[in-house]
Amino acid sequence: MNRQIIIDEKQVTLDTWLGERFVEKLTKASILVGRAGKPFVLYRNFIEETEYAVQEEVGIVSEKYIVVEVFTYGGFLPSTFQQQYVFTLSEFPTWMMQRSHEMFFRCFDNLEEIVQ
């Protein structure tokens, strides 16, 4: 799905424009993270939840990277990491947009709360 808008008589895809705004907000968030000295949780997504255990995906903004970790915890299971992805600030928006527009906008909204 390719949405287009016209800005100054040039066609620009809406996805590209949103991606650029996302990178700007991630950059500002990474600066704030550096000043605060602790990472910012961009999103949490429960993948699977049973009565005793949870598999969760967490996206974290650090000073230079976005780290996405999938881990399981709870019940009789020891906490374990199944997957870990590391993205640059410019790579992450594209990956998230391809993955899920809903998650993309959830991350965008979370960034809006900390970066004015």
N, C-alpha and C. Protein backbone atom coordinates (compact mmCIF):
# COMPACT_ATOMS: atom_id res chain seq x y z
N MET A 1 0.85 -1.16 0.00
CA MET A 1 0.00 0.00 0.00
C MET A 1 0.90 1.23 0.00
N ASN A 2 0.83 2.02 -1.02
CA ASN A 2 1.67 3.19 -1.16
C ASN A 2 0.78 4.43 -1.17
N ARG A 3 0.79 5.19 -0.10
CA ARG A 3 0.00 6.41 0.01
C ARG A 3 0.86 7.58 -0.39
N GLN A 4 0.27 8.54 -1.09
CA GLN A 4 1.06 9.67 -1.54
C GLN A 4 0.40 10.99 -1.17
N ILE A 5 1.24 11.98 -0.87
CA ILE A 5 0.77 13.34 -0.64
C ILE A 5 1.65 14.27 -1.47
N ILE A 6 1.17 15.46 -1.72
CA ILE A 6 1.96 16.43 -2.49
C ILE A 6 2.44 17.52 -1.54
N ILE A 7 3.75 17.72 -1.49
CA ILE A 7 4.36 18.76 -0.68
C ILE A 7 5.24 19.58 -1.61
N ASP A 8 4.96 20.89 -1.70
CA ASP A 8 5.73 21.77 -2.57
C ASP A 8 5.86 21.19 -3.98
N GLU A 9 4.77 20.67 -4.50
CA GLU A 9 4.68 20.13 -5.84
C GLU A 9 5.61 18.95 -6.10
N LYS A 10 6.04 18.29 -5.06
CA LYS A 10 6.82 17.06 -5.19
C LYS A 10 6.01 15.95 -4.56
N GLN A 11 6.01 14.80 -5.18
CA GLN A 11 5.31 13.67 -4.58
C GLN A 11 6.23 12.97 -3.61
N VAL A 12 5.72 12.76 -2.42
CA VAL A 12 6.47 12.08 -1.39
C VAL A 12 5.55 11.02 -0.79
N THR A 13 6.03 9.83 -0.62
CA THR A 13 5.17 8.83 -0.03
C THR A 13 4.97 9.14 1.45
N LEU A 14 3.78 8.89 1.92
CA LEU A 14 3.46 9.14 3.32
C LEU A 14 4.33 8.28 4.22
N ASP A 15 4.60 7.05 3.80
CA ASP A 15 5.45 6.17 4.60
C ASP A 15 6.86 6.73 4.76
N THR A 16 7.40 7.32 3.70
CA THR A 16 8.73 7.92 3.77
C THR A 16 8.71 9.11 4.72
N TRP A 17 7.70 9.95 4.59
CA TRP A 17 7.57 11.12 5.46
C TRP A 17 7.45 10.69 6.92
N LEU A 18 6.60 9.70 7.20
CA LEU A 18 6.45 9.20 8.57
C LEU A 18 7.76 8.61 9.09
N GLY A 19 8.46 7.88 8.23
CA GLY A 19 9.75 7.30 8.62
C GLY A 19 10.75 8.37 9.01
N GLU A 20 10.78 9.47 8.26
CA GLU A 20 11.70 10.56 8.58
C GLU A 20 11.34 11.21 9.92
N ARG A 21 10.04 11.42 10.18
CA ARG A 21 9.62 11.97 11.47
C ARG A 21 9.97 11.02 12.61
N PHE A 22 9.81 9.72 12.35
CA PHE A 22 10.12 8.70 13.35
C PHE A 22 11.60 8.75 13.71
N VAL A 23 12.47 8.85 12.69
CA VAL A 23 13.92 8.92 12.93
C VAL A 23 14.25 10.17 13.74
N GLU A 24 13.61 11.29 13.45
CA GLU A 24 13.85 12.52 14.22
C GLU A 24 13.49 12.32 15.69
N LYS A 25 12.36 11.69 15.94
CA LYS A 25 11.92 11.45 17.32
C LYS A 25 12.83 10.44 18.02
N LEU A 26 13.27 9.42 17.30
CA LEU A 26 14.20 8.45 17.89
C LEU A 26 15.53 9.12 18.24
N THR A 27 15.98 10.02 17.38
CA THR A 27 17.23 10.74 17.64
C THR A 27 17.11 11.58 18.90
N LYS A 28 16.00 12.30 19.04
CA LYS A 28 15.78 13.10 20.24
C LYS A 28 15.67 12.22 21.48
N ALA A 29 14.98 11.08 21.33
CA ALA A 29 14.85 10.15 22.47
C ALA A 29 16.21 9.59 22.86
N SER A 30 17.06 9.28 21.89
CA SER A 30 18.38 8.74 22.21
C SER A 30 19.24 9.77 22.94
N ILE A 31 19.07 11.04 22.61
CA ILE A 31 19.79 12.10 23.32
C ILE A 31 19.31 12.18 24.77
N LEU A 32 17.98 12.11 24.96
CA LEU A 32 17.43 12.11 26.32
C LEU A 32 17.89 10.89 27.12
N VAL A 33 17.97 9.75 26.47
CA VAL A 33 18.45 8.53 27.12
C VAL A 33 19.89 8.71 27.57
N GLY A 34 20.71 9.33 26.73
CA GLY A 34 22.10 9.58 27.09
C GLY A 34 22.23 10.50 28.30
N ARG A 35 21.38 11.49 28.34
CA ARG A 35 21.40 12.42 29.48
C ARG A 35 20.90 11.77 30.76
N ALA A 36 19.86 10.95 30.63
CA ALA A 36 19.26 10.30 31.81
C ALA A 36 20.11 9.13 32.30
N GLY A 37 20.87 8.54 31.39
CA GLY A 37 21.72 7.41 31.78
C GLY A 37 20.97 6.09 31.90
N LYS A 38 19.74 6.03 31.37
CA LYS A 38 19.01 4.76 31.38
C LYS A 38 18.17 4.66 30.12
N PRO A 39 18.01 3.45 29.59
CA PRO A 39 17.27 3.28 28.33
C PRO A 39 15.78 3.56 28.50
N PHE A 40 15.12 3.80 27.38
CA PHE A 40 13.69 4.07 27.34
C PHE A 40 12.98 2.89 26.69
N VAL A 41 11.94 2.37 27.33
CA VAL A 41 11.17 1.27 26.75
C VAL A 41 10.22 1.85 25.71
N LEU A 42 10.47 1.52 24.47
CA LEU A 42 9.68 2.02 23.35
C LEU A 42 8.34 1.30 23.25
N TYR A 43 8.36 -0.02 23.45
CA TYR A 43 7.12 -0.79 23.44
C TYR A 43 7.33 -2.12 24.12
N ARG A 44 6.21 -2.70 24.55
CA ARG A 44 6.17 -4.05 25.10
C ARG A 44 5.04 -4.76 24.38
N ASN A 45 5.29 -5.98 23.94
CA ASN A 45 4.29 -6.73 23.21
C ASN A 45 4.27 -8.17 23.72
N PHE A 46 3.15 -8.56 24.30
CA PHE A 46 3.03 -9.94 24.78
C PHE A 46 2.72 -10.82 23.58
N ILE A 47 3.61 -11.77 23.31
CA ILE A 47 3.46 -12.66 22.17
C ILE A 47 2.58 -13.85 22.55
N GLU A 48 2.89 -14.43 23.68
CA GLU A 48 2.14 -15.59 24.16
C GLU A 48 2.08 -15.53 25.68
N GLU A 49 0.92 -15.83 26.20
CA GLU A 49 0.74 -15.79 27.64
C GLU A 49 -0.05 -17.03 28.05
N THR A 50 0.52 -17.78 28.99
CA THR A 50 -0.19 -18.93 29.54
C THR A 50 -0.48 -18.64 31.01
N GLU A 51 -1.02 -19.63 31.66
CA GLU A 51 -1.33 -19.46 33.08
C GLU A 51 -0.08 -19.25 33.91
N TYR A 52 1.04 -19.81 33.47
CA TYR A 52 2.26 -19.79 34.28
C TYR A 52 3.43 -19.02 33.68
N ALA A 53 3.42 -18.76 32.37
CA ALA A 53 4.59 -18.15 31.74
C ALA A 53 4.16 -17.15 30.66
N VAL A 54 5.09 -16.27 30.32
CA VAL A 54 4.84 -15.22 29.33
C VAL A 54 6.01 -15.17 28.35
N GLN A 55 5.68 -15.02 27.06
CA GLN A 55 6.70 -14.71 26.07
C GLN A 55 6.42 -13.28 25.63
N GLU A 56 7.42 -12.43 25.76
CA GLU A 56 7.23 -11.00 25.54
C GLU A 56 8.33 -10.45 24.64
N GLU A 57 7.96 -9.46 23.85
CA GLU A 57 8.91 -8.73 23.02
C GLU A 57 8.98 -7.30 23.56
N VAL A 58 10.19 -6.81 23.73
CA VAL A 58 10.38 -5.46 24.26
C VAL A 58 11.34 -4.70 23.33
N GLY A 59 10.94 -3.49 22.96
CA GLY A 59 11.79 -2.61 22.16
C GLY A 59 12.33 -1.52 23.06
N ILE A 60 13.65 -1.32 23.03
CA ILE A 60 14.31 -0.38 23.94
C ILE A 60 15.16 0.60 23.13
N VAL A 61 15.05 1.88 23.47
CA VAL A 61 15.90 2.91 22.86
C VAL A 61 17.11 3.09 23.75
N SER A 62 18.30 2.90 23.17
CA SER A 62 19.53 3.20 23.90
C SER A 62 20.12 4.46 23.26
N GLU A 63 21.35 4.78 23.59
CA GLU A 63 21.94 6.01 23.05
C GLU A 63 22.13 5.98 21.54
N LYS A 64 22.47 4.82 20.99
CA LYS A 64 22.77 4.76 19.56
C LYS A 64 21.93 3.72 18.81
N TYR A 65 21.26 2.85 19.53
CA TYR A 65 20.58 1.74 18.88
C TYR A 65 19.19 1.50 19.45
N ILE A 66 18.39 0.77 18.67
CA ILE A 66 17.13 0.23 19.15
C ILE A 66 17.37 -1.26 19.31
N VAL A 67 17.11 -1.78 20.49
CA VAL A 67 17.31 -3.20 20.77
C VAL A 67 15.93 -3.82 20.97
N VAL A 68 15.65 -4.89 20.23
CA VAL A 68 14.39 -5.62 20.36
C VAL A 68 14.74 -7.02 20.87
N GLU A 69 14.15 -7.38 22.01
CA GLU A 69 14.44 -8.67 22.63
C GLU A 69 13.14 -9.45 22.82
N VAL A 70 13.20 -10.73 22.52
CA VAL A 70 12.08 -11.63 22.79
C VAL A 70 12.54 -12.57 23.88
N PHE A 71 11.80 -12.59 24.99
CA PHE A 71 12.20 -13.46 26.09
C PHE A 71 10.99 -14.08 26.76
N THR A 72 11.25 -15.17 27.49
CA THR A 72 10.22 -15.91 28.20
C THR A 72 10.57 -15.89 29.68
N TYR A 73 9.54 -15.76 30.51
CA TYR A 73 9.76 -15.76 31.95
C TYR A 73 8.49 -16.22 32.65
N GLY A 74 8.65 -16.58 33.91
CA GLY A 74 7.51 -16.94 34.75
C GLY A 74 7.40 -18.44 34.99
N GLY A 75 6.57 -18.79 35.94
CA GLY A 75 6.33 -20.19 36.25
C GLY A 75 7.59 -20.92 36.65
N PHE A 76 7.72 -22.12 36.13
CA PHE A 76 8.88 -22.96 36.45
C PHE A 76 10.01 -22.77 35.45
N LEU A 77 9.81 -21.90 34.46
CA LEU A 77 10.82 -21.67 33.43
C LEU A 77 11.82 -20.62 33.89
N PRO A 78 13.09 -20.88 33.68
CA PRO A 78 14.06 -19.80 33.94
C PRO A 78 13.89 -18.73 32.85
N SER A 79 14.14 -17.49 33.17
CA SER A 79 14.04 -16.43 32.17
C SER A 79 15.07 -16.67 31.08
N THR A 80 14.63 -16.68 29.83
CA THR A 80 15.53 -16.93 28.71
C THR A 80 15.23 -15.97 27.56
N PHE A 81 16.27 -15.61 26.83
CA PHE A 81 16.13 -14.78 25.64
C PHE A 81 16.10 -15.69 24.43
N GLN A 82 15.04 -15.57 23.62
CA GLN A 82 14.95 -16.36 22.39
C GLN A 82 15.58 -15.64 21.21
N GLN A 83 15.38 -14.32 21.15
CA GLN A 83 15.89 -13.55 20.02
C GLN A 83 16.30 -12.16 20.49
N GLN A 84 17.25 -11.59 19.77
CA GLN A 84 17.65 -10.21 20.02
C GLN A 84 18.02 -9.58 18.69
N TYR A 85 17.45 -8.42 18.42
CA TYR A 85 17.74 -7.67 17.21
C TYR A 85 18.29 -6.31 17.62
N VAL A 86 19.26 -5.83 16.87
CA VAL A 86 19.83 -4.50 17.13
C VAL A 86 19.74 -3.71 15.83
N PHE A 87 19.12 -2.54 15.92
CA PHE A 87 18.92 -1.66 14.76
C PHE A 87 19.54 -0.31 15.02
N THR A 88 20.01 0.33 13.96
CA THR A 88 20.40 1.73 14.07
C THR A 88 19.11 2.55 14.13
N LEU A 89 19.23 3.80 14.49
CA LEU A 89 18.06 4.66 14.58
C LEU A 89 17.36 4.81 13.23
N SER A 90 18.11 4.75 12.14
CA SER A 90 17.51 4.90 10.81
C SER A 90 16.96 3.59 10.26
N GLU A 91 17.44 2.44 10.73
CA GLU A 91 16.94 1.14 10.25
C GLU A 91 15.62 0.73 10.89
N PHE A 92 15.45 1.09 12.15
CA PHE A 92 14.31 0.60 12.91
C PHE A 92 12.95 0.99 12.33
N PRO A 93 12.72 2.26 11.93
CA PRO A 93 11.40 2.61 11.40
C PRO A 93 10.98 1.77 10.19
N THR A 94 11.91 1.50 9.29
CA THR A 94 11.60 0.69 8.11
C THR A 94 11.21 -0.72 8.52
N TRP A 95 11.99 -1.32 9.44
CA TRP A 95 11.69 -2.66 9.91
C TRP A 95 10.32 -2.71 10.57
N MET A 96 10.03 -1.73 11.42
CA MET A 96 8.76 -1.73 12.13
C MET A 96 7.59 -1.49 11.18
N MET A 97 7.77 -0.59 10.20
CA MET A 97 6.69 -0.30 9.25
C MET A 97 6.37 -1.55 8.42
N GLN A 98 7.39 -2.30 8.03
CA GLN A 98 7.17 -3.53 7.26
C GLN A 98 6.51 -4.60 8.12
N ARG A 99 6.81 -4.59 9.36
CA ARG A 99 6.30 -5.60 10.29
C ARG A 99 4.85 -5.36 10.65
N SER A 100 4.53 -4.13 11.09
CA SER A 100 3.17 -3.85 11.54
C SER A 100 2.95 -2.34 11.63
N HIS A 101 1.98 -1.86 10.88
CA HIS A 101 1.65 -0.44 10.96
C HIS A 101 1.11 -0.09 12.34
N GLU A 102 0.37 -1.00 12.94
CA GLU A 102 -0.18 -0.75 14.29
C GLU A 102 0.95 -0.57 15.30
N MET A 103 1.95 -1.45 15.26
CA MET A 103 3.09 -1.34 16.19
C MET A 103 3.90 -0.08 15.89
N PHE A 104 4.05 0.26 14.60
CA PHE A 104 4.76 1.47 14.21
C PHE A 104 4.12 2.68 14.88
N PHE A 105 2.79 2.79 14.77
CA PHE A 105 2.10 3.95 15.34
C PHE A 105 2.09 3.92 16.86
N ARG A 106 2.10 2.73 17.45
CA ARG A 106 2.20 2.66 18.91
C ARG A 106 3.55 3.21 19.36
N CYS A 107 4.62 2.82 18.67
CA CYS A 107 5.96 3.34 18.99
C CYS A 107 6.00 4.85 18.77
N PHE A 108 5.43 5.31 17.67
CA PHE A 108 5.41 6.74 17.34
C PHE A 108 4.70 7.51 18.46
N ASP A 109 3.56 7.00 18.92
CA ASP A 109 2.82 7.65 20.01
C ASP A 109 3.62 7.66 21.30
N ASN A 110 4.31 6.56 21.60
CA ASN A 110 5.13 6.50 22.82
C ASN A 110 6.25 7.52 22.75
N LEU A 111 6.84 7.69 21.58
CA LEU A 111 7.89 8.70 21.42
C LEU A 111 7.32 10.11 21.59
N GLU A 112 6.12 10.32 21.11
CA GLU A 112 5.47 11.63 21.23
C GLU A 112 5.36 12.04 22.70
N GLU A 113 5.13 11.05 23.57
CA GLU A 113 4.97 11.35 25.00
C GLU A 113 6.25 11.87 25.64
N ILE A 114 7.40 11.36 25.20
CA ILE A 114 8.65 11.80 25.84
C ILE A 114 9.39 12.88 25.05
N VAL A 115 9.12 12.97 23.75
CA VAL A 115 9.80 13.95 22.90
C VAL A 115 8.75 14.91 22.36
N GLN A 116 8.77 16.11 22.81
CA GLN A 116 7.76 17.10 22.38
C GLN A 116 8.20 17.81 21.13
